Amino acid sequence: MKKINILYWIFTVLFAALMFSSAVPDIISSDDAVKFFKMMGYPLYLLPFLGVAKTLGVIAILIPGFPRLKEWAYAGLTFDLAGAMYSIIA
């Protein structure tokens, strides 16, 4: 059981680091993020909103307890990744 718990936290921290590293450019509206959003045709006011939403999702995932909150955070981050994938494919 301890091995599963260790694997859970390893993958959770890796996923959280990935999502947080994609949230920081959105929050600070970096040049690359702005350029990408303009290329995709999305309004620029979504950048900080998405960055803050990703950051709150990462915090919710890393805080122990609150299973319902974690569930919604994982769902939100999954929707974010699915939307990003669809935007690139379309």
PDB file of N, CA and C in Angstrom:
ATOM      1  N   MET A   1       0.818  -1.191   0.000  1.00  0.00           N
ATOM      2  CA  MET A   1       0.000   0.000   0.000  1.00  0.00           C
ATOM      3  C   MET A   1       0.864   1.258   0.000  1.00  0.00           C
ATOM      4  N   LYS A   2       1.988   1.194   0.681  1.00  0.00           N
ATOM      5  CA  LYS A   2       2.866   2.354   0.736  1.00  0.00           C
ATOM      6  C   LYS A   2       3.437   2.666  -0.648  1.00  0.00           C
ATOM      7  N   LYS A   3       3.725   1.622  -1.423  1.00  0.00           N
ATOM      8  CA  LYS A   3       4.266   1.804  -2.768  1.00  0.00           C
ATOM      9  C   LYS A   3       3.260   2.543  -3.656  1.00  0.00           C
ATOM     10  N   ILE A   4       1.995   2.186  -3.550  1.00  0.00           N
ATOM     11  CA  ILE A   4       0.954   2.846  -4.339  1.00  0.00           C
ATOM     12  C   ILE A   4       0.827   4.308  -3.930  1.00  0.00           C
ATOM     13  N   ASN A   5       0.902   4.565  -2.636  1.00  0.00           N
ATOM     14  CA  ASN A   5       0.815   5.939  -2.138  1.00  0.00           C
ATOM     15  C   ASN A   5       1.984   6.783  -2.645  1.00  0.00           C
ATOM     16  N   ILE A   6       3.166   6.211  -2.659  1.00  0.00           N
ATOM     17  CA  ILE A   6       4.344   6.931  -3.167  1.00  0.00           C
ATOM     18  C   ILE A   6       4.189   7.215  -4.655  1.00  0.00           C
ATOM     19  N   LEU A   7       3.739   6.225  -5.419  1.00  0.00           N
ATOM     20  CA  LEU A   7       3.512   6.438  -6.853  1.00  0.00           C
ATOM     21  C   LEU A   7       2.440   7.495  -7.098  1.00  0.00           C
ATOM     22  N   TYR A   8       1.384   7.476  -6.289  1.00  0.00           N
ATOM     23  CA  TYR A   8       0.327   8.484  -6.420  1.00  0.00           C
ATOM     24  C   TYR A   8       0.904   9.884  -6.252  1.00  0.00           C
ATOM     25  N   TRP A   9       1.707  10.089  -5.221  1.00  0.00           N
ATOM     26  CA  TRP A   9       2.247  11.426  -4.971  1.00  0.00           C
ATOM     27  C   TRP A   9       3.284  11.827  -6.011  1.00  0.00           C
ATOM     28  N   ILE A  10       4.044  10.881  -6.528  1.00  0.00           N
ATOM     29  CA  ILE A  10       5.010  11.208  -7.584  1.00  0.00           C
ATOM     30  C   ILE A  10       4.277  11.723  -8.815  1.00  0.00           C
ATOM     31  N   PHE A  11       3.265  10.989  -9.267  1.00  0.00           N
ATOM     32  CA  PHE A  11       2.536  11.412 -10.465  1.00  0.00           C
ATOM     33  C   PHE A  11       1.694  12.658 -10.216  1.00  0.00           C
ATOM     34  N   THR A  12       1.185  12.808  -9.006  1.00  0.00           N
ATOM     35  CA  THR A  12       0.419  14.013  -8.679  1.00  0.00           C
ATOM     36  C   THR A  12       1.313  15.243  -8.715  1.00  0.00           C
ATOM     37  N   VAL A  13       2.492  15.150  -8.145  1.00  0.00           N
ATOM     38  CA  VAL A  13       3.416  16.294  -8.145  1.00  0.00           C
ATOM     39  C   VAL A  13       3.892  16.593  -9.563  1.00  0.00           C
ATOM     40  N   LEU A  14       4.162  15.572 -10.362  1.00  0.00           N
ATOM     41  CA  LEU A  14       4.561  15.809 -11.754  1.00  0.00           C
ATOM     42  C   LEU A  14       3.448  16.498 -12.541  1.00  0.00           C
ATOM     43  N   PHE A  15       2.215  16.038 -12.376  1.00  0.00           N
ATOM     44  CA  PHE A  15       1.077  16.653 -13.061  1.00  0.00           C
ATOM     45  C   PHE A  15       0.876  18.088 -12.582  1.00  0.00           C
ATOM     46  N   ALA A  16       0.993  18.304 -11.277  1.00  0.00           N
ATOM     47  CA  ALA A  16       0.832  19.649 -10.729  1.00  0.00           C
ATOM     48  C   ALA A  16       1.927  20.578 -11.242  1.00  0.00           C
ATOM     49  N   ALA A  17       3.152  20.083 -11.329  1.00  0.00           N
ATOM     50  CA  ALA A  17       4.251  20.908 -11.844  1.00  0.00           C
ATOM     51  C   ALA A  17       4.026  21.261 -13.308  1.00  0.00           C
ATOM     52  N   LEU A  18       3.546  20.310 -14.089  1.00  0.00           N
ATOM     53  CA  LEU A  18       3.249  20.568 -15.499  1.00  0.00           C
ATOM     54  C   LEU A  18       2.167  21.633 -15.636  1.00  0.00           C
ATOM     55  N   MET A  19       1.101  21.493 -14.876  1.00  0.00           N
ATOM     56  CA  MET A  19       0.003  22.452 -14.972  1.00  0.00           C
ATOM     57  C   MET A  19       0.416  23.824 -14.439  1.00  0.00           C
ATOM     58  N   PHE A  20       1.196  23.857 -13.372  1.00  0.00           N
ATOM     59  CA  PHE A  20       1.631  25.148 -12.836  1.00  0.00           C
ATOM     60  C   PHE A  20       2.597  25.839 -13.791  1.00  0.00           C
ATOM     61  N   SER A  21       3.460  25.049 -14.437  1.00  0.00           N
ATOM     62  CA  SER A  21       4.398  25.663 -15.387  1.00  0.00           C
ATOM     63  C   SER A  21       3.671  26.213 -16.611  1.00  0.00           C
ATOM     64  N   SER A  22       2.492  25.692 -16.915  1.00  0.00           N
ATOM     65  CA  SER A  22       1.714  26.271 -18.010  1.00  0.00           C
ATOM     66  C   SER A  22       0.833  27.420 -17.528  1.00  0.00           C
ATOM     67  N   ALA A  23       0.623  27.532 -16.222  1.00  0.00           N
ATOM     68  CA  ALA A  23      -0.209  28.612 -15.681  1.00  0.00           C
ATOM     69  C   ALA A  23       0.565  29.916 -15.530  1.00  0.00           C
ATOM     70  N   VAL A  24       1.844  29.827 -15.218  1.00  0.00           N
ATOM     71  CA  VAL A  24       2.637  31.040 -14.967  1.00  0.00           C
ATOM     72  C   VAL A  24       2.681  31.963 -16.181  1.00  0.00           C
ATOM     73  N   PRO A  25       2.966  31.480 -17.398  1.00  0.00           N
ATOM     74  CA  PRO A  25       2.953  32.395 -18.550  1.00  0.00           C
ATOM     75  C   PRO A  25       1.582  33.018 -18.795  1.00  0.00           C
ATOM     76  N   ASP A  26       0.524  32.292 -18.458  1.00  0.00           N
ATOM     77  CA  ASP A  26      -0.818  32.845 -18.626  1.00  0.00           C
ATOM     78  C   ASP A  26      -1.069  33.976 -17.638  1.00  0.00           C
ATOM     79  N   ILE A  27      -0.645  33.788 -16.405  1.00  0.00           N
ATOM     80  CA  ILE A  27      -0.880  34.811 -15.379  1.00  0.00           C
ATOM     81  C   ILE A  27      -0.121  36.090 -15.703  1.00  0.00           C
ATOM     82  N   ILE A  28       1.134  35.947 -16.115  1.00  0.00           N
ATOM     83  CA  ILE A  28       1.935  37.147 -16.389  1.00  0.00           C
ATOM     84  C   ILE A  28       1.772  37.646 -17.815  1.00  0.00           C
ATOM     85  N   SER A  29       0.938  36.977 -18.600  1.00  0.00           N
ATOM     86  CA  SER A  29       0.693  37.342 -20.007  1.00  0.00           C
ATOM     87  C   SER A  29       2.006  37.512 -20.771  1.00  0.00           C
ATOM     88  N   SER A  30       2.788  36.451 -20.794  1.00  0.00           N
ATOM     89  CA  SER A  30       4.069  36.486 -21.501  1.00  0.00           C
ATOM     90  C   SER A  30       3.848  36.684 -22.997  1.00  0.00           C
ATOM     91  N   ASP A  31       4.880  37.142 -23.667  1.00  0.00           N
ATOM     92  CA  ASP A  31       4.781  37.425 -25.101  1.00  0.00           C
ATOM     93  C   ASP A  31       4.383  36.187 -25.901  1.00  0.00           C
ATOM     94  N   ASP A  32       4.963  35.040 -25.544  1.00  0.00           N
ATOM     95  CA  ASP A  32       4.638  33.804 -26.269  1.00  0.00           C
ATOM     96  C   ASP A  32       3.176  33.405 -26.071  1.00  0.00           C
ATOM     97  N   ALA A  33       2.682  33.539 -24.845  1.00  0.00           N
ATOM     98  CA  ALA A  33       1.284  33.184 -24.581  1.00  0.00           C
ATOM     99  C   ALA A  33       0.337  34.122 -25.323  1.00  0.00           C
ATOM    100  N   VAL A  34       0.660  35.409 -25.324  1.00  0.00           N
ATOM    101  CA  VAL A  34      -0.173  36.387 -26.033  1.00  0.00           C
ATOM    102  C   VAL A  34      -0.163  36.095 -27.529  1.00  0.00           C
ATOM    103  N   LYS A  35       1.024  35.804 -28.063  1.00  0.00           N
ATOM    104  CA  LYS A  35       1.138  35.501 -29.490  1.00  0.00           C
ATOM    105  C   LYS A  35       0.335  34.250 -29.853  1.00  0.00           C
ATOM    106  N   PHE A  36       0.415  33.229 -29.010  1.00  0.00           N
ATOM    107  CA  PHE A  36      -0.324  31.993 -29.266  1.00  0.00           C
ATOM    108  C   PHE A  36      -1.833  32.230 -29.203  1.00  0.00           C
ATOM    109  N   PHE A  37      -2.280  32.994 -28.216  1.00  0.00           N
ATOM    110  CA  PHE A  37      -3.712  33.269 -28.101  1.00  0.00           C
ATOM    111  C   PHE A  37      -4.217  34.070 -29.290  1.00  0.00           C
ATOM    112  N   LYS A  38      -3.429  35.021 -29.757  1.00  0.00           N
ATOM    113  CA  LYS A  38      -3.826  35.796 -30.937  1.00  0.00           C
ATOM    114  C   LYS A  38      -3.885  34.894 -32.166  1.00  0.00           C
ATOM    115  N   MET A  39      -2.918  33.995 -32.299  1.00  0.00           N
ATOM    116  CA  MET A  39      -2.892  33.080 -33.433  1.00  0.00           C
ATOM    117  C   MET A  39      -4.121  32.160 -33.425  1.00  0.00           C
ATOM    118  N   MET A  40      -4.537  31.726 -32.227  1.00  0.00           N
ATOM    119  CA  MET A  40      -5.690  30.835 -32.111  1.00  0.00           C
ATOM    120  C   MET A  40      -7.012  31.593 -32.199  1.00  0.00           C
ATOM    121  N   GLY A  41      -6.972  32.912 -32.086  1.00  0.00           N
ATOM    122  CA  GLY A  41      -8.181  33.716 -32.189  1.00  0.00           C
ATOM    123  C   GLY A  41      -8.963  33.846 -30.895  1.00  0.00           C
ATOM    124  N   TYR A  42      -8.314  33.603 -29.763  1.00  0.00           N
ATOM    125  CA  TYR A  42      -8.990  33.713 -28.473  1.00  0.00           C
ATOM    126  C   TYR A  42      -8.796  35.112 -27.901  1.00  0.00           C
ATOM    127  N   PRO A  43      -9.759  35.594 -27.116  1.00  0.00           N
ATOM    128  CA  PRO A  43      -9.600  36.916 -26.500  1.00  0.00           C
ATOM    129  C   PRO A  43      -8.519  36.887 -25.421  1.00  0.00           C
ATOM    130  N   LEU A  44      -7.760  37.959 -25.341  1.00  0.00           N
ATOM    131  CA  LEU A  44      -6.620  37.998 -24.423  1.00  0.00           C
ATOM    132  C   LEU A  44      -7.033  38.077 -22.959  1.00  0.00           C
ATOM    133  N   TYR A  45      -8.269  38.486 -22.682  1.00  0.00           N
ATOM    134  CA  TYR A  45      -8.688  38.555 -21.284  1.00  0.00           C
ATOM    135  C   TYR A  45      -8.830  37.169 -20.656  1.00  0.00           C
ATOM    136  N   LEU A  46      -8.825  36.118 -21.461  1.00  0.00           N
ATOM    137  CA  LEU A  46      -8.890  34.758 -20.921  1.00  0.00           C
ATOM    138  C   LEU A  46      -7.559  34.293 -20.331  1.00  0.00           C
ATOM    139  N   LEU A  47      -6.463  34.895 -20.753  1.00  0.00           N
ATOM    140  CA  LEU A  47      -5.141  34.447 -20.291  1.00  0.00           C
ATOM    141  C   LEU A  47      -5.014  34.464 -18.768  1.00  0.00           C
ATOM    142  N   PRO A  48      -5.199  35.605 -18.104  1.00  0.00           N
ATOM    143  CA  PRO A  48      -5.044  35.588 -16.643  1.00  0.00           C
ATOM    144  C   PRO A  48      -6.082  34.704 -15.950  1.00  0.00           C
ATOM    145  N   PHE A  49      -7.293  34.667 -16.494  1.00  0.00           N
ATOM    146  CA  PHE A  49      -8.331  33.821 -15.899  1.00  0.00           C
ATOM    147  C   PHE A  49      -7.919  32.353 -15.927  1.00  0.00           C
ATOM    148  N   LEU A  50      -7.448  31.884 -17.077  1.00  0.00           N
ATOM    149  CA  LEU A  50      -7.020  30.486 -17.182  1.00  0.00           C
ATOM    150  C   LEU A  50      -5.819  30.200 -16.281  1.00  0.00           C
ATOM    151  N   GLY A  51      -4.894  31.152 -16.202  1.00  0.00           N
ATOM    152  CA  GLY A  51      -3.732  30.967 -15.338  1.00  0.00           C
ATOM    153  C   GLY A  51      -4.112  30.845 -13.876  1.00  0.00           C
ATOM    154  N   VAL A  52      -5.011  31.698 -13.425  1.00  0.00           N
ATOM    155  CA  VAL A  52      -5.452  31.633 -12.028  1.00  0.00           C
ATOM    156  C   VAL A  52      -6.253  30.360 -11.783  1.00  0.00           C
ATOM    157  N   ALA A  53      -7.106  29.979 -12.728  1.00  0.00           N
ATOM    158  CA  ALA A  53      -7.890  28.747 -12.576  1.00  0.00           C
ATOM    159  C   ALA A  53      -6.976  27.521 -12.492  1.00  0.00           C
ATOM    160  N   LYS A  54      -5.946  27.475 -13.325  1.00  0.00           N
ATOM    161  CA  LYS A  54      -4.996  26.356 -13.269  1.00  0.00           C
ATOM    162  C   LYS A  54      -4.260  26.339 -11.936  1.00  0.00           C
ATOM    163  N   THR A  55      -3.856  27.511 -11.464  1.00  0.00           N
ATOM    164  CA  THR A  55      -3.137  27.588 -10.188  1.00  0.00           C
ATOM    165  C   THR A  55      -4.022  27.121  -9.038  1.00  0.00           C
ATOM    166  N   LEU A  56      -5.279  27.550  -9.019  1.00  0.00           N
ATOM    167  CA  LEU A  56      -6.193  27.097  -7.971  1.00  0.00           C
ATOM    168  C   LEU A  56      -6.432  25.591  -8.061  1.00  0.00           C
ATOM    169  N   GLY A  57      -6.489  25.059  -9.276  1.00  0.00           N
ATOM    170  CA  GLY A  57      -6.636  23.618  -9.447  1.00  0.00           C
ATOM    171  C   GLY A  57      -5.433  22.853  -8.919  1.00  0.00           C
ATOM    172  N   VAL A  58      -4.252  23.374  -9.169  1.00  0.00           N
ATOM    173  CA  VAL A  58      -3.029  22.736  -8.665  1.00  0.00           C
ATOM    174  C   VAL A  58      -3.014  22.756  -7.143  1.00  0.00           C
ATOM    175  N   ILE A  59      -3.388  23.885  -6.555  1.00  0.00           N
ATOM    176  CA  ILE A  59      -3.428  23.975  -5.092  1.00  0.00           C
ATOM    177  C   ILE A  59      -4.431  22.973  -4.530  1.00  0.00           C
ATOM    178  N   ALA A  60      -5.595  22.873  -5.165  1.00  0.00           N
ATOM    179  CA  ALA A  60      -6.618  21.934  -4.688  1.00  0.00           C
ATOM    180  C   ALA A  60      -6.141  20.489  -4.783  1.00  0.00           C
ATOM    181  N   ILE A  61      -5.373  20.178  -5.803  1.00  0.00           N
ATOM    182  CA  ILE A  61      -4.878  18.809  -5.958  1.00  0.00           C
ATOM    183  C   ILE A  61      -3.824  18.476  -4.904  1.00  0.00           C
ATOM    184  N   LEU A  62      -2.996  19.440  -4.567  1.00  0.00           N
ATOM    185  CA  LEU A  62      -1.894  19.168  -3.647  1.00  0.00           C
ATOM    186  C   LEU A  62      -2.292  19.207  -2.176  1.00  0.00           C
ATOM    187  N   ILE A  63      -3.407  19.836  -1.839  1.00  0.00           N
ATOM    188  CA  ILE A  63      -3.842  19.890  -0.443  1.00  0.00           C
ATOM    189  C   ILE A  63      -4.452  18.540  -0.072  1.00  0.00           C
ATOM    190  N   PRO A  64      -3.972  17.925   1.013  1.00  0.00           N
ATOM    191  CA  PRO A  64      -4.558  16.647   1.423  1.00  0.00           C
ATOM    192  C   PRO A  64      -6.000  16.841   1.915  1.00  0.00           C
ATOM    193  N   GLY A  65      -6.795  15.822   1.734  1.00  0.00           N
ATOM    194  CA  GLY A  65      -8.200  15.904   2.128  1.00  0.00           C
ATOM    195  C   GLY A  65      -9.039  16.506   1.020  1.00  0.00           C
ATOM    196  N   PHE A  66     -10.251  16.894   1.338  1.00  0.00           N
ATOM    197  CA  PHE A  66     -11.184  17.527   0.405  1.00  0.00           C
ATOM    198  C   PHE A  66     -11.334  16.717  -0.893  1.00  0.00           C
ATOM    199  N   PRO A  67     -11.818  15.487  -0.815  1.00  0.00           N
ATOM    200  CA  PRO A  67     -11.900  14.657  -2.026  1.00  0.00           C
ATOM    201  C   PRO A  67     -12.810  15.240  -3.105  1.00  0.00           C
ATOM    202  N   ARG A  68     -13.904  15.877  -2.722  1.00  0.00           N
ATOM    203  CA  ARG A  68     -14.809  16.445  -3.725  1.00  0.00           C
ATOM    204  C   ARG A  68     -14.140  17.596  -4.463  1.00  0.00           C
ATOM    205  N   LEU A  69     -13.387  18.409  -3.743  1.00  0.00           N
ATOM    206  CA  LEU A  69     -12.673  19.526  -4.365  1.00  0.00           C
ATOM    207  C   LEU A  69     -11.604  19.013  -5.326  1.00  0.00           C
ATOM    208  N   LYS A  70     -10.892  17.967  -4.925  1.00  0.00           N
ATOM    209  CA  LYS A  70      -9.880  17.364  -5.808  1.00  0.00           C
ATOM    210  C   LYS A  70     -10.521  16.838  -7.086  1.00  0.00           C
ATOM    211  N   GLU A  71     -11.678  16.218  -6.922  1.00  0.00           N
ATOM    212  CA  GLU A  71     -12.386  15.661  -8.069  1.00  0.00           C
ATOM    213  C   GLU A  71     -12.718  16.760  -9.082  1.00  0.00           C
ATOM    214  N   TRP A  72     -13.222  17.878  -8.591  1.00  0.00           N
ATOM    215  CA  TRP A  72     -13.563  18.991  -9.479  1.00  0.00           C
ATOM    216  C   TRP A  72     -12.317  19.643 -10.059  1.00  0.00           C
ATOM    217  N   ALA A  73     -11.246  19.692  -9.293  1.00  0.00           N
ATOM    218  CA  ALA A  73     -10.000  20.270  -9.800  1.00  0.00           C
ATOM    219  C   ALA A  73      -9.432  19.409 -10.925  1.00  0.00           C
ATOM    220  N   TYR A  74      -9.422  18.096 -10.729  1.00  0.00           N
ATOM    221  CA  TYR A  74      -8.960  17.209 -11.798  1.00  0.00           C
ATOM    222  C   TYR A  74      -9.846  17.344 -13.034  1.00  0.00           C
ATOM    223  N   ALA A  75     -11.152  17.468 -12.830  1.00  0.00           N
ATOM    224  CA  ALA A  75     -12.066  17.630 -13.965  1.00  0.00           C
ATOM    225  C   ALA A  75     -11.772  18.928 -14.707  1.00  0.00           C
ATOM    226  N   GLY A  76     -11.578  20.008 -13.977  1.00  0.00           N
ATOM    227  CA  GLY A  76     -11.294  21.291 -14.614  1.00  0.00           C
ATOM    228  C   GLY A  76      -9.991  21.280 -15.389  1.00  0.00           C
ATOM    229  N   LEU A  77      -8.965  20.683 -14.814  1.00  0.00           N
ATOM    230  CA  LEU A  77      -7.681  20.618 -15.513  1.00  0.00           C
ATOM    231  C   LEU A  77      -7.768  19.686 -16.724  1.00  0.00           C
ATOM    232  N   THR A  78      -8.576  18.641 -16.623  1.00  0.00           N
ATOM    233  CA  THR A  78      -8.783  17.762 -17.773  1.00  0.00           C
ATOM    234  C   THR A  78      -9.499  18.502 -18.893  1.00  0.00           C
ATOM    235  N   PHE A  79     -10.512  19.301 -18.538  1.00  0.00           N
ATOM    236  CA  PHE A  79     -11.207  20.104 -19.549  1.00  0.00           C
ATOM    237  C   PHE A  79     -10.257  21.104 -20.194  1.00  0.00           C
ATOM    238  N   ASP A  80      -9.360  21.667 -19.398  1.00  0.00           N
ATOM    239  CA  ASP A  80      -8.375  22.609 -19.937  1.00  0.00           C
ATOM    240  C   ASP A  80      -7.471  21.915 -20.951  1.00  0.00           C
ATOM    241  N   LEU A  81      -6.985  20.739 -20.606  1.00  0.00           N
ATOM    242  CA  LEU A  81      -6.108  20.005 -21.519  1.00  0.00           C
ATOM    243  C   LEU A  81      -6.860  19.525 -22.758  1.00  0.00           C
ATOM    244  N   ALA A  82      -8.104  19.091 -22.578  1.00  0.00           N
ATOM    245  CA  ALA A  82      -8.902  18.654 -23.730  1.00  0.00           C
ATOM    246  C   ALA A  82      -9.196  19.829 -24.658  1.00  0.00           C
ATOM    247  N   GLY A  83      -9.488  20.988 -24.088  1.00  0.00           N
ATOM    248  CA  GLY A  83      -9.725  22.177 -24.902  1.00  0.00           C
ATOM    249  C   GLY A  83      -8.483  22.613 -25.649  1.00  0.00           C
ATOM    250  N   ALA A  84      -7.337  22.513 -24.998  1.00  0.00           N
ATOM    251  CA  ALA A  84      -6.083  22.864 -25.662  1.00  0.00           C
ATOM    252  C   ALA A  84      -5.796  21.903 -26.814  1.00  0.00           C
ATOM    253  N   MET A  85      -6.033  20.626 -26.582  1.00  0.00           N
ATOM    254  CA  MET A  85      -5.799  19.642 -27.633  1.00  0.00           C
ATOM    255  C   MET A  85      -6.746  19.876 -28.810  1.00  0.00           C
ATOM    256  N   TYR A  86      -8.004  20.152 -28.522  1.00  0.00           N
ATOM    257  CA  TYR A  86      -8.975  20.406 -29.588  1.00  0.00           C
ATOM    258  C   TYR A  86      -8.612  21.671 -30.364  1.00  0.00           C
ATOM    259  N   SER A  87      -8.141  22.699 -29.662  1.00  0.00           N
ATOM    260  CA  SER A  87      -7.768  23.948 -30.335  1.00  0.00           C
ATOM    261  C   SER A  87      -6.612  23.739 -31.296  1.00  0.00           C
ATOM    262  N   ILE A  88      -5.682  22.901 -30.928  1.00  0.00           N
ATOM    263  CA  ILE A  88      -4.521  22.660 -31.787  1.00  0.00           C
ATOM    264  C   ILE A  88      -4.910  21.779 -32.974  1.00  0.00           C
ATOM    265  N   ILE A  89      -5.774  20.785 -32.739  1.00  0.00           N
ATOM    266  CA  ILE A  89      -6.179  19.886 -33.820  1.00  0.00           C
ATOM    267  C   ILE A  89      -7.059  20.598 -34.837  1.00  0.00           C
ATOM    268  N   ALA A  90      -7.966  21.442 -34.348  1.00  0.00           N
ATOM    269  CA  ALA A  90      -8.954  22.088 -35.243  1.00  0.00           C
ATOM    270  C   ALA A  90      -8.360  23.152 -36.076  1.00  0.00           C
TER     271      ALA A  90
END
